[in-house]
Amino acid sequence: MIKEKTIKSTKRRQSRILVLQALYETDKTKHDAHAIIDRLTQVSPELEPSKLYAIELITNIICHTDQIDDTISKYAKAWPVSQMPSVDKNILRIAIQEIILDEQIPKKVAINEAVEISKLYGTENSPKFINGVLGTILKEISGKNKF
């Protein structure tokens, strides 16, 4: 059971990283996010098991970007979304989608994953920033599951 749980969490983390890469590239080039995920999984076939959740995640983020960005703006007042580092902004988008819209991911797991990914791809200050924003969101929405 533990091994199965570890494999599932590894696939989910890789899915989140694929989504981060796709959102980052989309920010910089305006390429289609779904096509980016397709390309990344074709180039690295070992990522194929992570593709299904990545597609689900990115589709939900794209459908709710305005709401997600409004949530970021509300809780990260010192950083306008348009001026926020792309990596931090997109890690927040992924985590907020999972925290608010996705009933299958425990909220604390989503926050922990966001912090861990920010340690890998963000700046030295990213983990603290990400944790602060998401922790504040979690406190406010406890008991509510909507924007």
N, C-alpha and C. Protein backbone atom coordinates (compact mmCIF):
# COMPACT_ATOMS: atom_id res chain seq x y z
N MET A 1 0.81 -1.19 0.00
CA MET A 1 0.00 0.00 0.00
C MET A 1 0.86 1.26 0.00
N ILE A 2 1.92 1.28 0.78
CA ILE A 2 2.78 2.45 0.83
C ILE A 2 3.44 2.70 -0.52
N LYS A 3 3.90 1.64 -1.16
CA LYS A 3 4.54 1.80 -2.46
C LYS A 3 3.56 2.37 -3.48
N GLU A 4 2.32 1.88 -3.49
CA GLU A 4 1.31 2.38 -4.41
C GLU A 4 1.04 3.87 -4.17
N LYS A 5 0.96 4.27 -2.90
CA LYS A 5 0.73 5.66 -2.54
C LYS A 5 1.91 6.52 -3.01
N THR A 6 3.13 6.03 -2.84
CA THR A 6 4.32 6.76 -3.26
C THR A 6 4.35 6.94 -4.78
N ILE A 7 4.01 5.90 -5.50
CA ILE A 7 3.98 5.98 -6.96
C ILE A 7 2.94 7.00 -7.41
N LYS A 8 1.77 6.97 -6.80
CA LYS A 8 0.71 7.91 -7.16
C LYS A 8 1.14 9.34 -6.87
N SER A 9 1.76 9.58 -5.70
CA SER A 9 2.19 10.93 -5.36
C SER A 9 3.32 11.40 -6.27
N THR A 10 4.19 10.49 -6.68
CA THR A 10 5.26 10.83 -7.61
C THR A 10 4.68 11.24 -8.96
N LYS A 11 3.68 10.49 -9.44
CA LYS A 11 3.04 10.84 -10.71
C LYS A 11 2.34 12.19 -10.61
N ARG A 12 1.69 12.43 -9.50
CA ARG A 12 1.00 13.72 -9.31
C ARG A 12 2.00 14.87 -9.28
N ARG A 13 3.12 14.68 -8.57
CA ARG A 13 4.12 15.75 -8.54
C ARG A 13 4.65 16.00 -9.95
N GLN A 14 4.93 14.93 -10.69
CA GLN A 14 5.41 15.10 -12.06
C GLN A 14 4.34 15.79 -12.92
N SER A 15 3.09 15.48 -12.68
CA SER A 15 1.99 16.16 -13.39
C SER A 15 2.03 17.66 -13.11
N ARG A 16 2.19 18.01 -11.85
CA ARG A 16 2.24 19.43 -11.47
C ARG A 16 3.43 20.12 -12.13
N ILE A 17 4.55 19.43 -12.19
CA ILE A 17 5.74 20.01 -12.84
C ILE A 17 5.51 20.18 -14.33
N LEU A 18 4.87 19.21 -14.97
CA LEU A 18 4.52 19.35 -16.39
C LEU A 18 3.62 20.58 -16.60
N VAL A 19 2.64 20.74 -15.73
CA VAL A 19 1.73 21.88 -15.84
C VAL A 19 2.49 23.18 -15.62
N LEU A 20 3.39 23.20 -14.64
CA LEU A 20 4.21 24.40 -14.41
C LEU A 20 5.01 24.74 -15.66
N GLN A 21 5.63 23.74 -16.27
CA GLN A 21 6.42 23.99 -17.49
C GLN A 21 5.53 24.51 -18.61
N ALA A 22 4.35 23.92 -18.75
CA ALA A 22 3.44 24.34 -19.82
C ALA A 22 2.94 25.77 -19.58
N LEU A 23 2.56 26.08 -18.34
CA LEU A 23 2.08 27.43 -18.04
C LEU A 23 3.19 28.46 -18.22
N TYR A 24 4.39 28.11 -17.81
CA TYR A 24 5.53 29.02 -17.97
C TYR A 24 5.78 29.30 -19.46
N GLU A 25 5.82 28.23 -20.25
CA GLU A 25 6.05 28.43 -21.69
C GLU A 25 4.91 29.22 -22.32
N THR A 26 3.70 28.97 -21.90
CA THR A 26 2.55 29.71 -22.42
C THR A 26 2.67 31.19 -22.09
N ASP A 27 3.10 31.50 -20.86
CA ASP A 27 3.32 32.90 -20.48
C ASP A 27 4.32 33.58 -21.39
N LYS A 28 5.37 32.86 -21.75
CA LYS A 28 6.47 33.46 -22.50
C LYS A 28 6.24 33.46 -24.02
N THR A 29 5.50 32.45 -24.52
CA THR A 29 5.40 32.30 -25.98
C THR A 29 3.97 32.28 -26.52
N LYS A 30 3.00 32.14 -25.64
CA LYS A 30 1.58 32.01 -26.01
C LYS A 30 1.29 30.71 -26.75
N HIS A 31 2.18 29.71 -26.65
CA HIS A 31 1.90 28.39 -27.23
C HIS A 31 0.74 27.75 -26.48
N ASP A 32 0.06 26.84 -27.13
CA ASP A 32 -1.06 26.12 -26.53
C ASP A 32 -0.55 25.19 -25.42
N ALA A 33 -1.11 25.33 -24.22
CA ALA A 33 -0.65 24.57 -23.06
C ALA A 33 -0.83 23.06 -23.25
N HIS A 34 -1.94 22.65 -23.85
CA HIS A 34 -2.17 21.21 -24.07
C HIS A 34 -1.13 20.65 -25.04
N ALA A 35 -0.81 21.42 -26.07
CA ALA A 35 0.19 20.98 -27.05
C ALA A 35 1.57 20.88 -26.39
N ILE A 36 1.85 21.77 -25.46
CA ILE A 36 3.14 21.72 -24.75
C ILE A 36 3.23 20.42 -23.95
N ILE A 37 2.17 20.09 -23.24
CA ILE A 37 2.18 18.84 -22.46
C ILE A 37 2.33 17.64 -23.39
N ASP A 38 1.64 17.65 -24.52
CA ASP A 38 1.78 16.56 -25.50
C ASP A 38 3.24 16.44 -25.94
N ARG A 39 3.85 17.58 -26.28
CA ARG A 39 5.24 17.57 -26.74
C ARG A 39 6.19 17.06 -25.66
N LEU A 40 6.02 17.55 -24.44
CA LEU A 40 6.90 17.14 -23.34
C LEU A 40 6.80 15.64 -23.06
N THR A 41 5.60 15.10 -23.14
CA THR A 41 5.44 13.66 -22.88
C THR A 41 5.90 12.82 -24.07
N GLN A 42 5.87 13.37 -25.27
CA GLN A 42 6.40 12.64 -26.42
C GLN A 42 7.92 12.59 -26.37
N VAL A 43 8.54 13.69 -25.96
CA VAL A 43 10.00 13.77 -25.87
C VAL A 43 10.51 12.90 -24.73
N SER A 44 9.75 12.81 -23.66
CA SER A 44 10.13 12.02 -22.48
C SER A 44 9.02 11.02 -22.16
N PRO A 45 9.01 9.87 -22.83
CA PRO A 45 7.94 8.89 -22.65
C PRO A 45 7.72 8.44 -21.20
N GLU A 46 8.75 8.57 -20.35
CA GLU A 46 8.58 8.19 -18.94
C GLU A 46 7.58 9.11 -18.21
N LEU A 47 7.26 10.24 -18.83
CA LEU A 47 6.28 11.16 -18.25
C LEU A 47 4.83 10.81 -18.61
N GLU A 48 4.66 9.87 -19.51
CA GLU A 48 3.32 9.49 -19.98
C GLU A 48 2.34 9.17 -18.83
N PRO A 49 2.75 8.44 -17.78
CA PRO A 49 1.81 8.16 -16.69
C PRO A 49 1.31 9.42 -15.97
N SER A 50 2.04 10.51 -16.09
CA SER A 50 1.65 11.77 -15.44
C SER A 50 0.77 12.64 -16.33
N LYS A 51 0.62 12.27 -17.56
CA LYS A 51 -0.06 13.12 -18.53
C LYS A 51 -1.55 13.32 -18.23
N LEU A 52 -2.25 12.28 -17.85
CA LEU A 52 -3.69 12.38 -17.65
C LEU A 52 -4.04 13.42 -16.59
N TYR A 53 -3.39 13.36 -15.44
CA TYR A 53 -3.68 14.35 -14.39
C TYR A 53 -3.19 15.74 -14.82
N ALA A 54 -2.09 15.82 -15.54
CA ALA A 54 -1.59 17.11 -16.02
C ALA A 54 -2.62 17.78 -16.94
N ILE A 55 -3.21 17.00 -17.83
CA ILE A 55 -4.23 17.53 -18.75
C ILE A 55 -5.45 18.00 -17.96
N GLU A 56 -5.88 17.20 -16.99
CA GLU A 56 -7.02 17.59 -16.16
C GLU A 56 -6.72 18.89 -15.41
N LEU A 57 -5.55 18.96 -14.83
CA LEU A 57 -5.15 20.13 -14.05
C LEU A 57 -5.06 21.38 -14.91
N ILE A 58 -4.39 21.28 -16.04
CA ILE A 58 -4.21 22.47 -16.88
C ILE A 58 -5.53 22.93 -17.49
N THR A 59 -6.39 21.99 -17.82
CA THR A 59 -7.70 22.35 -18.37
C THR A 59 -8.49 23.15 -17.33
N ASN A 60 -8.48 22.69 -16.09
CA ASN A 60 -9.19 23.40 -15.03
C ASN A 60 -8.58 24.77 -14.76
N ILE A 61 -7.27 24.87 -14.82
CA ILE A 61 -6.62 26.17 -14.61
C ILE A 61 -6.99 27.13 -15.73
N ILE A 62 -6.94 26.67 -16.96
CA ILE A 62 -7.28 27.52 -18.10
C ILE A 62 -8.73 27.99 -18.00
N CYS A 63 -9.63 27.10 -17.62
CA CYS A 63 -11.06 27.45 -17.52
C CYS A 63 -11.34 28.44 -16.39
N HIS A 64 -10.48 28.46 -15.38
CA HIS A 64 -10.73 29.30 -14.21
C HIS A 64 -9.61 30.31 -13.94
N THR A 65 -8.82 30.64 -14.96
CA THR A 65 -7.68 31.54 -14.76
C THR A 65 -8.08 32.87 -14.13
N ASP A 66 -9.16 33.47 -14.60
CA ASP A 66 -9.55 34.76 -14.06
C ASP A 66 -9.88 34.66 -12.57
N GLN A 67 -10.63 33.64 -12.19
CA GLN A 67 -10.99 33.46 -10.78
C GLN A 67 -9.74 33.15 -9.94
N ILE A 68 -8.88 32.32 -10.47
CA ILE A 68 -7.65 31.97 -9.75
C ILE A 68 -6.78 33.21 -9.58
N ASP A 69 -6.61 33.98 -10.65
CA ASP A 69 -5.79 35.19 -10.56
C ASP A 69 -6.41 36.23 -9.62
N ASP A 70 -7.74 36.31 -9.59
CA ASP A 70 -8.40 37.20 -8.62
C ASP A 70 -8.08 36.76 -7.20
N THR A 71 -8.05 35.45 -6.97
CA THR A 71 -7.72 34.92 -5.65
C THR A 71 -6.27 35.26 -5.30
N ILE A 72 -5.36 35.11 -6.26
CA ILE A 72 -3.96 35.47 -6.02
C ILE A 72 -3.87 36.96 -5.66
N SER A 73 -4.56 37.80 -6.43
CA SER A 73 -4.53 39.24 -6.17
C SER A 73 -5.05 39.58 -4.78
N LYS A 74 -6.07 38.88 -4.36
CA LYS A 74 -6.67 39.14 -3.05
C LYS A 74 -5.71 38.80 -1.91
N TYR A 75 -4.91 37.75 -2.07
CA TYR A 75 -4.07 37.27 -0.98
C TYR A 75 -2.59 37.64 -1.14
N ALA A 76 -2.21 38.17 -2.26
CA ALA A 76 -0.82 38.61 -2.47
C ALA A 76 -0.86 40.07 -2.91
N LYS A 77 -1.41 40.90 -2.06
CA LYS A 77 -1.65 42.31 -2.40
C LYS A 77 -0.39 43.07 -2.80
N ALA A 78 0.74 42.71 -2.22
CA ALA A 78 1.99 43.42 -2.51
C ALA A 78 2.54 43.09 -3.90
N TRP A 79 2.04 42.00 -4.51
CA TRP A 79 2.54 41.58 -5.82
C TRP A 79 1.39 41.52 -6.82
N PRO A 80 1.25 42.50 -7.69
CA PRO A 80 0.25 42.37 -8.75
C PRO A 80 0.58 41.13 -9.59
N VAL A 81 -0.45 40.39 -9.97
CA VAL A 81 -0.24 39.14 -10.73
C VAL A 81 0.59 39.40 -11.98
N SER A 82 0.36 40.52 -12.63
CA SER A 82 1.09 40.82 -13.88
C SER A 82 2.58 41.06 -13.64
N GLN A 83 2.96 41.39 -12.40
CA GLN A 83 4.37 41.66 -12.10
C GLN A 83 5.03 40.52 -11.32
N MET A 84 4.26 39.52 -10.98
CA MET A 84 4.76 38.40 -10.19
C MET A 84 5.66 37.52 -11.06
N PRO A 85 6.73 36.98 -10.50
CA PRO A 85 7.55 36.04 -11.27
C PRO A 85 6.68 34.90 -11.81
N SER A 86 6.89 34.56 -13.05
CA SER A 86 6.04 33.56 -13.72
C SER A 86 6.01 32.22 -12.98
N VAL A 87 7.14 31.79 -12.46
CA VAL A 87 7.18 30.51 -11.74
C VAL A 87 6.29 30.58 -10.51
N ASP A 88 6.43 31.62 -9.70
CA ASP A 88 5.61 31.75 -8.49
C ASP A 88 4.13 31.84 -8.84
N LYS A 89 3.80 32.66 -9.82
CA LYS A 89 2.40 32.83 -10.22
C LYS A 89 1.80 31.50 -10.65
N ASN A 90 2.53 30.73 -11.42
CA ASN A 90 1.98 29.48 -11.93
C ASN A 90 1.94 28.37 -10.88
N ILE A 91 2.88 28.39 -9.95
CA ILE A 91 2.79 27.45 -8.83
C ILE A 91 1.55 27.77 -8.01
N LEU A 92 1.30 29.06 -7.78
CA LEU A 92 0.09 29.46 -7.05
C LEU A 92 -1.17 29.05 -7.82
N ARG A 93 -1.17 29.22 -9.12
CA ARG A 93 -2.34 28.81 -9.92
C ARG A 93 -2.63 27.32 -9.75
N ILE A 94 -1.60 26.52 -9.83
CA ILE A 94 -1.77 25.07 -9.68
C ILE A 94 -2.33 24.75 -8.29
N ALA A 95 -1.72 25.31 -7.26
CA ALA A 95 -2.14 25.01 -5.89
C ALA A 95 -3.55 25.51 -5.61
N ILE A 96 -3.87 26.71 -6.06
CA ILE A 96 -5.21 27.25 -5.82
C ILE A 96 -6.25 26.41 -6.54
N GLN A 97 -5.95 25.95 -7.73
CA GLN A 97 -6.89 25.07 -8.43
C GLN A 97 -7.13 23.82 -7.60
N GLU A 98 -6.07 23.25 -7.06
CA GLU A 98 -6.22 22.03 -6.26
C GLU A 98 -6.90 22.29 -4.92
N ILE A 99 -6.59 23.41 -4.29
CA ILE A 99 -7.15 23.72 -2.98
C ILE A 99 -8.64 24.04 -3.08
N ILE A 100 -9.02 24.82 -4.06
CA ILE A 100 -10.38 25.33 -4.12
C ILE A 100 -11.29 24.51 -5.02
N LEU A 101 -10.77 24.01 -6.13
CA LEU A 101 -11.63 23.36 -7.11
C LEU A 101 -11.58 21.83 -7.10
N ASP A 102 -10.54 21.26 -6.55
CA ASP A 102 -10.32 19.82 -6.67
C ASP A 102 -10.59 19.12 -5.35
N GLU A 103 -11.69 18.41 -5.28
CA GLU A 103 -12.08 17.72 -4.05
C GLU A 103 -11.21 16.50 -3.75
N GLN A 104 -10.46 15.99 -4.72
CA GLN A 104 -9.70 14.76 -4.51
C GLN A 104 -8.32 14.97 -3.89
N ILE A 105 -7.85 16.21 -3.83
CA ILE A 105 -6.53 16.49 -3.28
C ILE A 105 -6.70 17.15 -1.91
N PRO A 106 -6.13 16.56 -0.85
CA PRO A 106 -6.19 17.23 0.45
C PRO A 106 -5.50 18.59 0.36
N LYS A 107 -6.10 19.58 0.95
CA LYS A 107 -5.61 20.96 0.83
C LYS A 107 -4.17 21.11 1.34
N LYS A 108 -3.84 20.47 2.44
CA LYS A 108 -2.49 20.58 2.98
C LYS A 108 -1.47 19.90 2.07
N VAL A 109 -1.89 18.85 1.39
CA VAL A 109 -1.01 18.19 0.41
C VAL A 109 -0.73 19.14 -0.75
N ALA A 110 -1.77 19.82 -1.23
CA ALA A 110 -1.59 20.77 -2.34
C ALA A 110 -0.61 21.88 -1.94
N ILE A 111 -0.73 22.37 -0.72
CA ILE A 111 0.17 23.43 -0.25
C ILE A 111 1.60 22.89 -0.13
N ASN A 112 1.76 21.73 0.46
CA ASN A 112 3.09 21.13 0.60
C ASN A 112 3.73 20.90 -0.78
N GLU A 113 2.97 20.40 -1.70
CA GLU A 113 3.51 20.17 -3.05
C GLU A 113 3.95 21.48 -3.69
N ALA A 114 3.14 22.52 -3.53
CA ALA A 114 3.49 23.82 -4.10
C ALA A 114 4.80 24.34 -3.51
N VAL A 115 4.95 24.22 -2.20
CA VAL A 115 6.17 24.67 -1.53
C VAL A 115 7.37 23.86 -2.02
N GLU A 116 7.21 22.54 -2.11
CA GLU A 116 8.32 21.69 -2.56
C GLU A 116 8.72 22.01 -4.00
N ILE A 117 7.75 22.22 -4.86
CA ILE A 117 8.05 22.55 -6.26
C ILE A 117 8.70 23.92 -6.34
N SER A 118 8.26 24.85 -5.49
CA SER A 118 8.88 26.18 -5.50
C SER A 118 10.34 26.12 -5.06
N LYS A 119 10.68 25.15 -4.21
CA LYS A 119 12.08 24.97 -3.81
C LYS A 119 12.93 24.53 -5.00
N LEU A 120 12.33 23.76 -5.90
CA LEU A 120 13.05 23.27 -7.07
C LEU A 120 13.15 24.30 -8.19
N TYR A 121 12.08 25.08 -8.41
CA TYR A 121 12.00 25.93 -9.59
C TYR A 121 11.94 27.43 -9.31
N GLY A 122 11.67 27.81 -8.08
CA GLY A 122 11.54 29.22 -7.76
C GLY A 122 12.85 29.83 -7.28
N THR A 123 12.71 31.02 -6.73
CA THR A 123 13.85 31.72 -6.16
C THR A 123 14.02 31.30 -4.70
N GLU A 124 15.00 31.86 -4.05
CA GLU A 124 15.23 31.57 -2.64
C GLU A 124 14.03 31.98 -1.78
N ASN A 125 13.33 33.02 -2.20
CA ASN A 125 12.18 33.53 -1.44
C ASN A 125 10.85 32.87 -1.81
N SER A 126 10.84 32.12 -2.88
CA SER A 126 9.58 31.54 -3.36
C SER A 126 8.88 30.64 -2.35
N PRO A 127 9.57 29.70 -1.70
CA PRO A 127 8.85 28.81 -0.78
C PRO A 127 8.11 29.56 0.33
N LYS A 128 8.75 30.55 0.91
CA LYS A 128 8.12 31.32 1.99
C LYS A 128 6.92 32.10 1.45
N PHE A 129 7.08 32.72 0.30
CA PHE A 129 6.00 33.49 -0.33
C PHE A 129 4.81 32.58 -0.65
N ILE A 130 5.08 31.47 -1.32
CA ILE A 130 4.03 30.52 -1.71
C ILE A 130 3.31 30.00 -0.46
N ASN A 131 4.07 29.59 0.54
CA ASN A 131 3.47 29.06 1.77
C ASN A 131 2.61 30.12 2.46
N GLY A 132 3.08 31.35 2.50
CA GLY A 132 2.33 32.43 3.14
C GLY A 132 1.01 32.70 2.45
N VAL A 133 1.04 32.81 1.13
CA VAL A 133 -0.19 33.09 0.37
C VAL A 133 -1.17 31.93 0.53
N LEU A 134 -0.69 30.72 0.33
CA LEU A 134 -1.59 29.55 0.38
C LEU A 134 -2.10 29.29 1.80
N GLY A 135 -1.26 29.51 2.79
CA GLY A 135 -1.70 29.35 4.18
C GLY A 135 -2.81 30.32 4.53
N THR A 136 -2.71 31.56 4.06
CA THR A 136 -3.75 32.55 4.30
C THR A 136 -5.04 32.17 3.60
N ILE A 137 -4.93 31.68 2.37
CA ILE A 137 -6.12 31.23 1.64
C ILE A 137 -6.78 30.09 2.40
N LEU A 138 -5.99 29.12 2.83
CA LEU A 138 -6.55 27.97 3.53
C LEU A 138 -7.29 28.39 4.80
N LYS A 139 -6.71 29.30 5.56
CA LYS A 139 -7.38 29.78 6.78
C LYS A 139 -8.73 30.39 6.46
N GLU A 140 -8.78 31.19 5.40
CA GLU A 140 -10.03 31.89 5.07
C GLU A 140 -11.09 30.96 4.50
N ILE A 141 -10.69 30.00 3.68
CA ILE A 141 -11.70 29.16 3.03
C ILE A 141 -12.07 27.91 3.83
N SER A 142 -11.43 27.70 4.96
CA SER A 142 -11.78 26.51 5.75
C SER A 142 -13.30 26.47 5.96
N GLY A 143 -13.87 25.37 5.57
CA GLY A 143 -15.32 25.22 5.66
C GLY A 143 -16.04 25.63 4.39
N LYS A 144 -15.35 26.34 3.48
CA LYS A 144 -15.93 26.73 2.20
C LYS A 144 -15.11 26.09 1.09
N ASN A 145 -15.74 25.74 0.01
CA ASN A 145 -15.01 25.15 -1.11
C ASN A 145 -15.26 25.89 -2.41
N LYS A 146 -15.48 27.20 -2.33
CA LYS A 146 -15.73 27.97 -3.54
C LYS A 146 -14.91 29.26 -3.50
N PHE A 147 -14.88 29.92 -4.64
CA PHE A 147 -14.25 31.23 -4.72
C PHE A 147 -15.13 32.22 -4.00
